[in-house]
Amino acid sequence: KQWYQRRVAITAGESQVEKAFNLLTKDPAVKAIFVNIFGGIVDCKIIATGIINACNKTGLELPLVVRLKGANMEAARELLANSGLDIAAYDELDEAAGAVVEFVK
């Protein structure tokens, strides 16, 4: 079984998240999206807002797993939880990565 991995490097901004989702959803090999943000510089609240907007604009149907660590991560987690979207959010990288693997099996 061949595994595909697409890495999309983005700068911290809502429009970049939407662009990344659009790019990823055009590839039929992509079976799930894993957003892993780790760092003190990145404002996780901006990324979470971008994720929510991108899901709404693209009509995302792929499984989405998100791990956010960094500035405003608590506010970001709250935004995701209250979005009404089916987003699997995790604190730990190992748990999030395991969830992605389960989605693509």
C-alpha atoms as a PDB file:
ATOM      1  CA  LYS A   1       0.000   0.000   0.000  1.00  0.00           C
ATOM      2  CA  GLN A   2       1.432   3.316  -1.023  1.00  0.00           C
ATOM      3  CA  TRP A   3       1.201   6.234   1.406  1.00  0.00           C
ATOM      4  CA  TYR A   4       0.995   9.782   0.200  1.00  0.00           C
ATOM      5  CA  GLN A   5       2.097  12.747   2.172  1.00  0.00           C
ATOM      6  CA  ARG A   6       1.554  16.326   1.175  1.00  0.00           C
ATOM      7  CA  ARG A   7       3.158  19.049   3.178  1.00  0.00           C
ATOM      8  CA  VAL A   8       1.923  22.558   2.763  1.00  0.00           C
ATOM      9  CA  ALA A   9       3.969  25.222   4.458  1.00  0.00           C
ATOM     10  CA  ILE A  10       1.895  28.238   5.368  1.00  0.00           C
ATOM     11  CA  THR A  11       2.536  31.488   7.079  1.00  0.00           C
ATOM     12  CA  ALA A  12       0.220  32.490   9.863  1.00  0.00           C
ATOM     13  CA  GLY A  13      -2.861  33.892   8.196  1.00  0.00           C
ATOM     14  CA  GLU A  14      -6.453  32.945   7.481  1.00  0.00           C
ATOM     15  CA  SER A  15      -6.205  33.188   3.709  1.00  0.00           C
ATOM     16  CA  GLN A  16      -3.200  30.881   3.655  1.00  0.00           C
ATOM     17  CA  VAL A  17      -5.155  28.201   5.518  1.00  0.00           C
ATOM     18  CA  GLU A  18      -7.935  28.406   2.941  1.00  0.00           C
ATOM     19  CA  LYS A  19      -5.410  28.195   0.085  1.00  0.00           C
ATOM     20  CA  ALA A  20      -3.833  25.138   1.670  1.00  0.00           C
ATOM     21  CA  PHE A  21      -7.225  23.419   2.070  1.00  0.00           C
ATOM     22  CA  ASN A  22      -8.096  24.184  -1.547  1.00  0.00           C
ATOM     23  CA  LEU A  23      -4.804  22.719  -2.696  1.00  0.00           C
ATOM     24  CA  LEU A  24      -5.143  19.595  -0.569  1.00  0.00           C
ATOM     25  CA  THR A  25      -8.758  18.872  -1.497  1.00  0.00           C
ATOM     26  CA  LYS A  26      -7.895  18.920  -5.209  1.00  0.00           C
ATOM     27  CA  ASP A  27      -5.594  15.924  -4.789  1.00  0.00           C
ATOM     28  CA  PRO A  28      -7.546  12.635  -4.803  1.00  0.00           C
ATOM     29  CA  ALA A  29      -4.678  10.935  -2.961  1.00  0.00           C
ATOM     30  CA  VAL A  30      -5.356  13.056   0.147  1.00  0.00           C
ATOM     31  CA  LYS A  31      -7.615  11.101   2.508  1.00  0.00           C
ATOM     32  CA  ALA A  32      -7.397  13.337   5.597  1.00  0.00           C
ATOM     33  CA  ILE A  33      -5.952  16.688   6.616  1.00  0.00           C
ATOM     34  CA  PHE A  34      -3.673  17.059   9.619  1.00  0.00           C
ATOM     35  CA  VAL A  35      -2.982  20.582  10.810  1.00  0.00           C
ATOM     36  CA  ASN A  36      -0.088  20.604  13.275  1.00  0.00           C
ATOM     37  CA  ILE A  37       0.791  24.041  14.572  1.00  0.00           C
ATOM     38  CA  PHE A  38       3.577  24.224  17.116  1.00  0.00           C
ATOM     39  CA  GLY A  39       5.397  27.368  18.069  1.00  0.00           C
ATOM     40  CA  GLY A  40       5.219  30.479  20.144  1.00  0.00           C
ATOM     41  CA  ILE A  41       5.217  32.893  17.214  1.00  0.00           C
ATOM     42  CA  VAL A  42       2.165  31.468  15.472  1.00  0.00           C
ATOM     43  CA  ASP A  43      -1.136  32.851  16.743  1.00  0.00           C
ATOM     44  CA  CYS A  44      -3.228  29.697  17.060  1.00  0.00           C
ATOM     45  CA  LYS A  45      -6.447  31.726  17.239  1.00  0.00           C
ATOM     46  CA  ILE A  46      -5.802  33.106  13.736  1.00  0.00           C
ATOM     47  CA  ILE A  47      -5.074  29.603  12.456  1.00  0.00           C
ATOM     48  CA  ALA A  48      -8.239  28.220  14.116  1.00  0.00           C
ATOM     49  CA  THR A  49     -10.330  30.993  12.557  1.00  0.00           C
ATOM     50  CA  GLY A  50      -8.721  30.234   9.202  1.00  0.00           C
ATOM     51  CA  ILE A  51      -9.471  26.528   9.619  1.00  0.00           C
ATOM     52  CA  ILE A  52     -13.130  27.214  10.415  1.00  0.00           C
ATOM     53  CA  ASN A  53     -13.501  29.619   7.489  1.00  0.00           C
ATOM     54  CA  ALA A  54     -11.701  27.255   5.123  1.00  0.00           C
ATOM     55  CA  CYS A  55     -13.958  24.363   6.157  1.00  0.00           C
ATOM     56  CA  ASN A  56     -17.042  26.483   5.550  1.00  0.00           C
ATOM     57  CA  LYS A  57     -15.855  27.919   2.219  1.00  0.00           C
ATOM     58  CA  THR A  58     -14.548  24.661   0.774  1.00  0.00           C
ATOM     59  CA  GLY A  59     -17.297  22.415   2.132  1.00  0.00           C
ATOM     60  CA  LEU A  60     -14.565  20.161   3.470  1.00  0.00           C
ATOM     61  CA  GLU A  61     -15.627  16.535   3.582  1.00  0.00           C
ATOM     62  CA  LEU A  62     -12.261  14.996   4.456  1.00  0.00           C
ATOM     63  CA  PRO A  63     -11.479  14.064   8.047  1.00  0.00           C
ATOM     64  CA  LEU A  64      -9.711  16.955   9.758  1.00  0.00           C
ATOM     65  CA  VAL A  65      -7.360  16.536  12.703  1.00  0.00           C
ATOM     66  CA  VAL A  66      -5.894  19.606  14.390  1.00  0.00           C
ATOM     67  CA  ARG A  67      -3.144  19.988  16.970  1.00  0.00           C
ATOM     68  CA  LEU A  68      -2.442  23.514  18.144  1.00  0.00           C
ATOM     69  CA  LYS A  69       0.366  24.503  20.515  1.00  0.00           C
ATOM     70  CA  GLY A  70       1.454  28.107  20.837  1.00  0.00           C
ATOM     71  CA  ALA A  71       0.146  31.583  21.432  1.00  0.00           C
ATOM     72  CA  ASN A  72      -3.605  31.756  22.139  1.00  0.00           C
ATOM     73  CA  MET A  73      -3.991  27.970  21.918  1.00  0.00           C
ATOM     74  CA  GLU A  74      -6.745  27.870  24.552  1.00  0.00           C
ATOM     75  CA  ALA A  75      -8.835  30.420  22.658  1.00  0.00           C
ATOM     76  CA  ALA A  76      -8.161  28.513  19.447  1.00  0.00           C
ATOM     77  CA  ARG A  77      -9.346  25.223  20.928  1.00  0.00           C
ATOM     78  CA  GLU A  78     -12.518  26.945  22.162  1.00  0.00           C
ATOM     79  CA  LEU A  79     -13.201  28.362  18.691  1.00  0.00           C
ATOM     80  CA  LEU A  80     -12.813  24.913  17.114  1.00  0.00           C
ATOM     81  CA  ALA A  81     -14.994  23.250  19.756  1.00  0.00           C
ATOM     82  CA  ASN A  82     -17.773  25.816  19.298  1.00  0.00           C
ATOM     83  CA  SER A  83     -17.606  25.904  15.493  1.00  0.00           C
ATOM     84  CA  GLY A  84     -20.206  23.196  14.926  1.00  0.00           C
ATOM     85  CA  LEU A  85     -17.763  21.463  12.566  1.00  0.00           C
ATOM     86  CA  ASP A  86     -16.510  17.895  12.815  1.00  0.00           C
ATOM     87  CA  ILE A  87     -12.915  18.698  13.757  1.00  0.00           C
ATOM     88  CA  ALA A  88     -10.876  16.245  15.823  1.00  0.00           C
ATOM     89  CA  ALA A  89      -8.689  18.439  18.045  1.00  0.00           C
ATOM     90  CA  TYR A  90      -5.822  17.070  20.116  1.00  0.00           C
ATOM     91  CA  ASP A  91      -3.238  18.465  22.504  1.00  0.00           C
ATOM     92  CA  GLU A  92      -0.561  15.857  21.917  1.00  0.00           C
ATOM     93  CA  LEU A  93       1.180  15.125  18.633  1.00  0.00           C
ATOM     94  CA  ASP A  94       1.158  11.336  19.089  1.00  0.00           C
ATOM     95  CA  GLU A  95      -2.602  11.252  19.676  1.00  0.00           C
ATOM     96  CA  ALA A  96      -3.298  13.509  16.700  1.00  0.00           C
ATOM     97  CA  ALA A  97      -1.045  11.529  14.381  1.00  0.00           C
ATOM     98  CA  GLY A  98      -2.683   8.296  15.523  1.00  0.00           C
ATOM     99  CA  ALA A  99      -6.113   9.747  14.751  1.00  0.00           C
ATOM    100  CA  VAL A 100      -5.050  10.646  11.218  1.00  0.00           C
ATOM    101  CA  VAL A 101      -3.764   7.115  10.663  1.00  0.00           C
ATOM    102  CA  GLU A 102      -7.100   5.682  11.813  1.00  0.00           C
ATOM    103  CA  PHE A 103      -9.024   7.977   9.460  1.00  0.00           C
ATOM    104  CA  VAL A 104      -7.067   6.851   6.402  1.00  0.00           C
ATOM    105  CA  LYS A 105      -7.153   3.118   7.079  1.00  0.00           C
END
